[in-house]
Amino acid sequence: MANKIVNQIKKLFSSQLAIPLVALIVLVIFNLIRDPSFFSILIKKNNFGNTVLAGNLISILNGASELVILAIGMTLVTSATKGQDISVGALAAIAGSMFVKILRAGSINVATIILAMIVACIVAILFCLFNGTLIAKFNIQPMIASLILFTAGRPIAYWINGGASPSVESNLLTYLGSFIPHVPIPTPIIIVVIFILLINLLLKKTTLGLYIQSVGINERAAKLNGINPTVWKLAVFIILGICVTMAGSMSVCRTGIINHETVLLDIEMDAILAVAIGGNSLGGGKFKLSGSILGAYIIQALTTTLYSMKVSSTAVKAYKAVVIIIIVVAGSPVVKQLFVQLKDKIMEKKEAK
């Protein structure tokens, strides 16, 4: 039994998840040495008098919610198109603005929230399909194609609400952005868990994942096997539309306002980094969603660690950049090859003895 567990651990650390797992372990050890209570989970009363869970660990899981959702969408886009959509933050702002516009059109109740989500999702999907069409039909590089909405997306979000940054107030929205009464776990964490389960179910029970990877690995071979690359590239942008809607709406529910300039600002860079840290190739092809999800939580854990060390908000990005460069370089094919060569040399010496 012990040997089986050891072999499973060895297999895990020799897989694609090795780098993000090592990075996570290093972060955990560093924080436990620096502050043994860093990952303590507290039980306290919130402003509504409900008993809820709190602490740095809950803050990491909660704070990474939007990033996890966008990292999933970015992973699928990267796999199918061999590139990244850098407009996801702006698209989330558009979706959030549309969400607020529908909510403000009438009284806020469950039916209005569902309607607002559906309308925002349709709008976001249309904008995502604009990027997808440029990429799938006109063979424009993903980063160049998405640069249009990266630049124009936030002004469009501002225009949707008549050049204003309106707020929305409702207990229902507060429940979605923070805590449901008598449920101690933050609602965004619950939403993310459900979303991950649904995406995994979709990928396992359908051929979606297989076709996306086939198109990303070799588009010409996919065509010869009867797979239409255009259809599957557009499919990932439809999923991305759902992801940006969830992220944008969740951000609105958290803050009760849509500010086109600040909502999920620079999150597209973190989403791309989450994909890379997760061991997925930015050149497309095979992907592992668990790697990207882990990468998103690593980024949030790093951010929370830096803030707990009293690092100023202006300096956090610089520190994050240094750590992320180390992680990405450590996971690069060149470094991996060096480790393999080093391992082979050590094995040869042992055999010689």
Protein backbone atom coordinates (compact mmCIF):
# COMPACT_ATOMS: atom_id res chain seq x y z
CA MET A 1 0.00 0.00 0.00
CA ALA A 2 2.81 2.39 0.97
CA ASN A 3 4.68 1.61 -2.27
CA LYS A 4 1.53 2.28 -4.27
CA ILE A 5 1.12 5.70 -2.63
CA VAL A 6 4.79 6.53 -3.24
CA ASN A 7 4.48 5.52 -6.89
CA GLN A 8 1.35 7.68 -7.26
CA ILE A 9 3.19 10.66 -5.76
CA LYS A 10 6.16 10.10 -8.08
CA LYS A 11 3.82 9.86 -11.05
CA LEU A 12 2.08 13.08 -10.03
CA PHE A 13 5.33 15.02 -9.65
CA SER A 14 6.61 13.79 -13.00
CA SER A 15 3.42 14.94 -14.73
CA GLN A 16 2.30 18.28 -16.15
CA LEU A 17 1.16 19.33 -12.66
CA ALA A 18 4.65 19.06 -11.17
CA ILE A 19 5.59 22.74 -11.47
CA PRO A 20 2.32 24.19 -10.11
CA LEU A 21 2.33 21.64 -7.27
CA VAL A 22 5.91 22.51 -6.31
CA ALA A 23 5.08 26.23 -6.50
CA LEU A 24 2.06 25.72 -4.27
CA ILE A 25 4.02 23.65 -1.76
CA VAL A 26 6.77 26.31 -1.62
CA LEU A 27 4.15 29.03 -1.00
CA VAL A 28 2.52 26.96 1.75
CA ILE A 29 5.83 26.20 3.50
CA PHE A 30 6.99 29.83 3.21
CA ASN A 31 3.77 31.11 4.79
CA LEU A 32 3.77 28.50 7.55
CA ILE A 33 7.34 29.46 8.49
CA ARG A 34 6.58 33.18 8.30
CA ASP A 35 3.25 32.93 10.09
CA PRO A 36 2.06 29.51 11.39
CA SER A 37 -1.50 30.83 11.61
CA PHE A 38 -1.56 32.07 8.00
CA PHE A 39 -3.89 29.29 6.82
CA SER A 40 -6.07 29.24 9.93
CA ILE A 41 -9.80 29.20 9.22
CA LEU A 42 -11.77 31.48 11.54
CA ILE A 43 -15.45 31.40 12.40
CA LYS A 44 -17.04 34.80 12.87
CA LYS A 45 -20.24 36.81 12.46
CA ASN A 46 -20.68 38.94 9.34
CA ASN A 47 -22.59 42.23 9.02
CA PHE A 48 -25.89 40.33 8.68
CA GLY A 49 -25.26 38.40 11.90
CA ASN A 50 -24.62 35.09 10.12
CA THR A 51 -21.85 32.70 11.12
CA VAL A 52 -19.29 32.53 8.29
CA LEU A 53 -15.81 31.20 7.58
CA ALA A 54 -12.95 33.68 7.31
CA GLY A 55 -9.16 33.79 7.12
CA ASN A 56 -6.46 33.91 4.47
CA LEU A 57 -7.28 30.49 3.02
CA ILE A 58 -10.93 31.46 2.52
CA SER A 59 -9.82 34.80 1.08
CA ILE A 60 -7.59 33.02 -1.46
CA LEU A 61 -10.33 30.62 -2.55
CA ASN A 62 -12.89 33.42 -2.67
CA GLY A 63 -10.68 36.07 -4.29
CA ALA A 64 -9.57 33.75 -7.10
CA SER A 65 -13.13 32.90 -8.19
CA GLU A 66 -13.32 35.19 -11.24
CA LEU A 67 -9.77 34.30 -12.25
CA VAL A 68 -10.46 30.55 -12.07
CA ILE A 69 -13.50 30.89 -14.33
CA LEU A 70 -11.62 33.02 -16.88
CA ALA A 71 -8.57 30.70 -16.73
CA ILE A 72 -10.83 27.80 -17.75
CA GLY A 73 -12.11 29.75 -20.76
CA MET A 74 -8.59 30.90 -21.64
CA THR A 75 -7.31 27.31 -21.49
CA LEU A 76 -9.86 26.11 -24.05
CA VAL A 77 -9.20 29.10 -26.35
CA THR A 78 -5.44 28.54 -26.11
CA SER A 79 -5.80 24.82 -26.85
CA ALA A 80 -7.95 25.29 -29.97
CA THR A 81 -6.47 28.49 -31.45
CA LYS A 82 -2.81 28.26 -30.37
CA GLY A 83 -3.10 31.76 -28.95
CA GLN A 84 -4.68 33.83 -26.21
CA ASP A 85 -7.63 36.22 -26.05
CA ILE A 86 -6.36 39.34 -24.28
CA SER A 87 -9.78 41.00 -24.23
CA VAL A 88 -11.39 38.82 -21.53
CA GLY A 89 -11.21 41.60 -18.91
CA ALA A 90 -12.88 44.08 -21.28
CA LEU A 91 -15.47 41.47 -22.29
CA ALA A 92 -16.24 40.84 -18.62
CA ALA A 93 -16.77 44.61 -18.24
CA ILE A 94 -19.22 44.55 -21.18
CA ALA A 95 -21.09 41.57 -19.69
CA GLY A 96 -21.15 43.24 -16.26
CA SER A 97 -22.48 46.48 -17.76
CA MET A 98 -25.24 44.62 -19.58
CA PHE A 99 -26.06 42.73 -16.39
CA VAL A 100 -26.44 46.03 -14.49
CA LYS A 101 -28.48 47.65 -17.28
CA ILE A 102 -31.11 44.89 -17.19
CA LEU A 103 -31.20 44.89 -13.37
CA ARG A 104 -31.80 48.63 -13.27
CA ALA A 105 -34.68 48.36 -15.77
CA GLY A 106 -37.02 46.97 -13.10
CA SER A 107 -37.23 45.61 -9.57
CA ILE A 108 -34.46 43.19 -8.65
CA ASN A 109 -35.76 39.70 -7.98
CA VAL A 110 -34.74 36.15 -8.91
CA ALA A 111 -36.46 36.34 -12.32
CA THR A 112 -34.77 39.68 -13.14
CA ILE A 113 -31.35 38.36 -12.14
CA ILE A 114 -31.79 35.27 -14.34
CA LEU A 115 -32.96 37.44 -17.25
CA ALA A 116 -30.02 39.81 -16.75
CA MET A 117 -27.59 36.86 -16.77
CA ILE A 118 -29.11 35.45 -19.97
CA VAL A 119 -29.05 38.81 -21.81
CA ALA A 120 -25.51 39.56 -20.62
CA CYS A 121 -24.43 36.07 -21.70
CA ILE A 122 -25.91 36.50 -25.20
CA VAL A 123 -24.18 39.87 -25.61
CA ALA A 124 -20.85 38.50 -24.33
CA ILE A 125 -21.06 35.47 -26.64
CA LEU A 126 -21.68 37.73 -29.65
CA PHE A 127 -18.60 39.80 -28.83
CA CYS A 128 -16.56 36.63 -28.24
CA LEU A 129 -17.76 35.25 -31.58
CA PHE A 130 -16.52 38.46 -33.20
CA ASN A 131 -13.03 37.55 -31.98
CA GLY A 132 -13.62 33.91 -32.88
CA THR A 133 -14.66 34.75 -36.44
CA LEU A 134 -11.54 36.84 -37.03
CA ILE A 135 -9.44 33.93 -35.79
CA ALA A 136 -11.32 30.95 -37.27
CA LYS A 137 -12.40 32.40 -40.62
CA PHE A 138 -9.77 35.00 -41.38
CA ASN A 139 -6.80 33.24 -39.71
CA ILE A 140 -5.80 36.34 -37.73
CA GLN A 141 -3.54 35.61 -34.76
CA PRO A 142 -5.65 35.44 -31.55
CA MET A 143 -3.73 38.15 -29.71
CA ILE A 144 -4.04 40.55 -32.66
CA ALA A 145 -7.72 39.73 -33.24
CA SER A 146 -8.61 40.28 -29.56
CA LEU A 147 -6.58 43.51 -29.43
CA ILE A 148 -9.59 45.29 -30.99
CA LEU A 149 -11.90 44.57 -28.05
CA PHE A 150 -9.02 44.86 -25.59
CA THR A 151 -8.86 48.51 -26.68
CA ALA A 152 -12.55 49.22 -27.37
CA GLY A 153 -14.26 46.87 -24.89
CA ARG A 154 -14.21 49.06 -21.80
CA PRO A 155 -15.45 52.18 -23.66
CA ILE A 156 -18.29 49.99 -25.01
CA ALA A 157 -19.06 48.90 -21.44
CA TYR A 158 -19.17 52.59 -20.43
CA TRP A 159 -21.46 53.40 -23.35
CA ILE A 160 -23.93 50.59 -22.49
CA ASN A 161 -24.99 52.44 -19.34
CA GLY A 162 -25.09 55.87 -20.94
CA GLY A 163 -21.61 57.01 -19.97
CA ALA A 164 -22.04 56.33 -16.25
CA SER A 165 -20.91 53.90 -13.56
CA PRO A 166 -24.27 52.92 -12.03
CA SER A 167 -24.72 50.97 -8.83
CA VAL A 168 -27.26 48.29 -7.93
CA GLU A 169 -28.49 47.42 -4.46
CA SER A 170 -30.26 44.21 -3.50
CA ASN A 171 -29.94 41.59 -0.80
CA LEU A 172 -30.09 38.92 -3.51
CA LEU A 173 -27.03 40.37 -5.24
CA THR A 174 -25.26 40.63 -1.90
CA TYR A 175 -25.96 36.95 -1.27
CA LEU A 176 -24.48 36.05 -4.67
CA GLY A 177 -21.39 38.20 -4.10
CA SER A 178 -20.73 37.30 -0.47
CA PHE A 179 -22.71 34.83 1.66
CA ILE A 180 -26.11 33.15 1.44
CA PRO A 181 -27.81 33.27 4.87
CA HIS A 182 -26.93 30.24 7.03
CA VAL A 183 -24.27 29.09 4.53
CA PRO A 184 -20.79 29.75 6.00
CA ILE A 185 -18.89 29.34 2.70
CA PRO A 186 -18.65 32.39 0.39
CA THR A 187 -21.08 32.06 -2.52
CA PRO A 188 -18.44 32.67 -5.25
CA ILE A 189 -16.54 29.58 -4.05
CA ILE A 190 -19.71 27.48 -4.35
CA ILE A 191 -20.40 28.88 -7.84
CA VAL A 192 -16.86 28.07 -8.98
CA VAL A 193 -17.06 24.49 -7.66
CA ILE A 194 -20.35 23.93 -9.51
CA PHE A 195 -18.93 25.48 -12.68
CA ILE A 196 -15.80 23.30 -12.55
CA LEU A 197 -17.92 20.18 -12.07
CA LEU A 198 -20.15 21.11 -15.03
CA ILE A 199 -17.18 21.83 -17.31
CA ASN A 200 -15.50 18.55 -16.34
CA LEU A 201 -18.76 16.70 -16.97
CA LEU A 202 -19.07 18.37 -20.38
CA LEU A 203 -15.50 17.44 -21.34
CA LYS A 204 -15.78 13.85 -20.08
CA LYS A 205 -19.24 13.00 -21.40
CA THR A 206 -18.81 14.60 -24.84
CA THR A 207 -16.13 14.73 -27.53
CA LEU A 208 -15.63 18.47 -26.97
CA GLY A 209 -12.26 18.14 -25.23
CA LEU A 210 -10.95 15.63 -27.78
CA TYR A 211 -11.96 17.77 -30.78
CA ILE A 212 -10.56 20.98 -29.25
CA GLN A 213 -7.21 19.30 -28.63
CA SER A 214 -7.20 17.69 -32.09
CA VAL A 215 -7.70 21.08 -33.77
CA GLY A 216 -4.97 22.64 -31.61
CA ILE A 217 -2.44 19.84 -32.15
CA ASN A 218 -2.81 19.51 -35.92
CA GLU A 219 -5.58 21.39 -37.72
CA ARG A 220 -4.85 19.75 -41.07
CA ALA A 221 -5.00 16.24 -39.61
CA ALA A 222 -8.23 17.16 -37.82
CA LYS A 223 -9.78 18.16 -41.16
CA LEU A 224 -8.74 14.85 -42.73
CA ASN A 225 -10.53 13.07 -39.88
CA GLY A 226 -13.77 14.93 -40.53
CA ILE A 227 -13.39 17.54 -37.77
CA ASN A 228 -14.32 21.08 -38.78
CA PRO A 229 -11.73 23.38 -37.10
CA THR A 230 -13.87 26.49 -37.61
CA VAL A 231 -16.82 25.01 -35.72
CA TRP A 232 -14.72 23.98 -32.73
CA LYS A 233 -12.79 27.23 -32.59
CA LEU A 234 -16.08 29.10 -32.49
CA ALA A 235 -17.34 26.66 -29.85
CA VAL A 236 -14.55 27.61 -27.43
CA PHE A 237 -15.44 31.28 -27.86
CA ILE A 238 -19.05 30.51 -26.96
CA ILE A 239 -17.76 28.89 -23.75
CA LEU A 240 -15.51 31.90 -23.19
CA GLY A 241 -18.60 34.13 -23.50
CA ILE A 242 -20.22 32.20 -20.66
CA CYS A 243 -17.03 32.51 -18.60
CA VAL A 244 -16.72 36.28 -19.01
CA THR A 245 -20.42 36.71 -18.17
CA MET A 246 -20.01 34.76 -14.93
CA ALA A 247 -16.86 36.69 -14.01
CA GLY A 248 -18.33 40.10 -14.84
CA SER A 249 -21.63 39.40 -13.05
CA MET A 250 -19.84 38.01 -10.00
CA SER A 251 -17.73 41.17 -9.79
CA VAL A 252 -20.89 43.31 -9.90
CA CYS A 253 -22.50 41.22 -7.15
CA ARG A 254 -19.40 41.67 -4.98
CA THR A 255 -19.17 45.46 -5.30
CA GLY A 256 -22.70 46.51 -6.24
CA ILE A 257 -21.34 48.76 -8.98
CA ILE A 258 -19.98 48.53 -12.52
CA ASN A 259 -16.94 50.69 -13.15
CA HIS A 260 -15.74 50.03 -16.68
CA GLU A 261 -12.23 51.29 -15.91
CA THR A 262 -11.48 49.11 -12.90
CA VAL A 263 -13.67 45.99 -13.12
CA LEU A 264 -11.34 42.96 -13.39
CA LEU A 265 -8.53 45.22 -14.61
CA ASP A 266 -5.51 43.29 -15.97
CA ILE A 267 -7.19 39.95 -15.20
CA GLU A 268 -6.47 38.78 -18.77
CA MET A 269 -2.75 38.73 -17.95
CA ASP A 270 -3.35 36.66 -14.81
CA ALA A 271 -5.59 34.29 -16.79
CA ILE A 272 -2.83 33.71 -19.35
CA LEU A 273 -0.30 33.21 -16.56
CA ALA A 274 -2.60 30.72 -14.83
CA VAL A 275 -2.66 28.67 -18.03
CA ALA A 276 1.14 28.81 -18.30
CA ILE A 277 1.82 28.10 -14.62
CA GLY A 278 -0.56 25.15 -14.87
CA GLY A 279 1.84 23.50 -17.30
CA ASN A 280 -0.33 24.02 -20.38
CA SER A 281 1.38 24.93 -23.64
CA LEU A 282 0.60 28.46 -24.84
CA GLY A 283 1.12 27.05 -28.33
CA GLY A 284 -2.13 25.08 -28.13
CA GLY A 285 -2.95 21.38 -28.25
CA LYS A 286 -3.27 19.22 -25.14
CA PHE A 287 -4.53 20.89 -22.01
CA LYS A 288 -5.21 20.10 -18.39
CA LEU A 289 -7.89 22.26 -16.77
CA SER A 290 -6.77 21.23 -13.28
CA GLY A 291 -3.38 22.82 -14.02
CA SER A 292 -4.93 26.16 -14.99
CA ILE A 293 -7.23 26.10 -11.96
CA LEU A 294 -4.26 25.40 -9.70
CA GLY A 295 -2.34 28.17 -11.46
CA ALA A 296 -5.14 30.66 -10.72
CA TYR A 297 -5.11 29.78 -7.03
CA ILE A 298 -1.31 30.05 -6.93
CA ILE A 299 -1.50 33.59 -8.34
CA GLN A 300 -4.13 34.57 -5.77
CA ALA A 301 -2.16 32.90 -2.95
CA LEU A 302 0.93 34.85 -4.00
CA THR A 303 -1.04 38.10 -4.05
CA THR A 304 -2.53 37.43 -0.60
CA THR A 305 0.93 36.53 0.76
CA LEU A 306 2.44 39.78 -0.50
CA TYR A 307 -0.38 41.87 0.96
CA SER A 308 -0.04 40.08 4.30
CA MET A 309 3.66 41.05 4.25
CA LYS A 310 2.59 44.71 3.98
CA VAL A 311 3.90 45.04 0.42
CA SER A 312 2.37 48.13 -1.18
CA SER A 313 -0.19 47.59 -3.93
CA THR A 314 2.07 49.34 -6.45
CA ALA A 315 4.94 46.95 -5.69
CA VAL A 316 2.85 43.75 -5.62
CA LYS A 317 2.86 43.43 -9.42
CA ALA A 318 6.66 43.67 -9.55
CA TYR A 319 7.11 40.95 -6.92
CA LYS A 320 4.50 38.78 -8.63
CA ALA A 321 6.28 39.21 -11.95
CA VAL A 322 9.60 37.98 -10.49
CA VAL A 323 8.04 34.90 -8.85
CA ILE A 324 5.96 34.05 -11.92
CA ILE A 325 9.01 34.34 -14.20
CA ILE A 326 10.81 31.82 -11.98
CA ILE A 327 7.84 29.43 -12.06
CA VAL A 328 7.35 29.70 -15.84
CA VAL A 329 11.07 29.30 -16.59
CA ALA A 330 11.27 26.29 -14.23
CA GLY A 331 8.44 24.70 -16.20
CA SER A 332 9.92 25.44 -19.62
CA PRO A 333 10.91 22.53 -21.93
CA VAL A 334 14.58 23.60 -21.80
CA VAL A 335 14.78 23.39 -18.01
CA LYS A 336 12.79 20.14 -17.97
CA GLN A 337 15.24 18.65 -20.46
CA LEU A 338 18.17 19.71 -18.27
CA PHE A 339 16.58 17.93 -15.29
CA VAL A 340 16.07 14.79 -17.38
CA GLN A 341 19.72 14.85 -18.48
CA LEU A 342 20.85 15.39 -14.89
CA LYS A 343 18.68 12.49 -13.74
CA ASP A 344 20.11 10.23 -16.47
CA LYS A 345 23.69 11.10 -15.44
CA ILE A 346 22.97 10.31 -11.79
CA MET A 347 21.40 6.98 -12.77
CA GLU A 348 24.41 6.13 -14.97
CA LYS A 349 26.81 6.82 -12.08
CA LYS A 350 24.77 4.61 -9.76
CA GLU A 351 24.76 1.77 -12.30
CA ALA A 352 28.52 2.15 -12.81
CA LYS A 353 29.10 1.66 -9.09
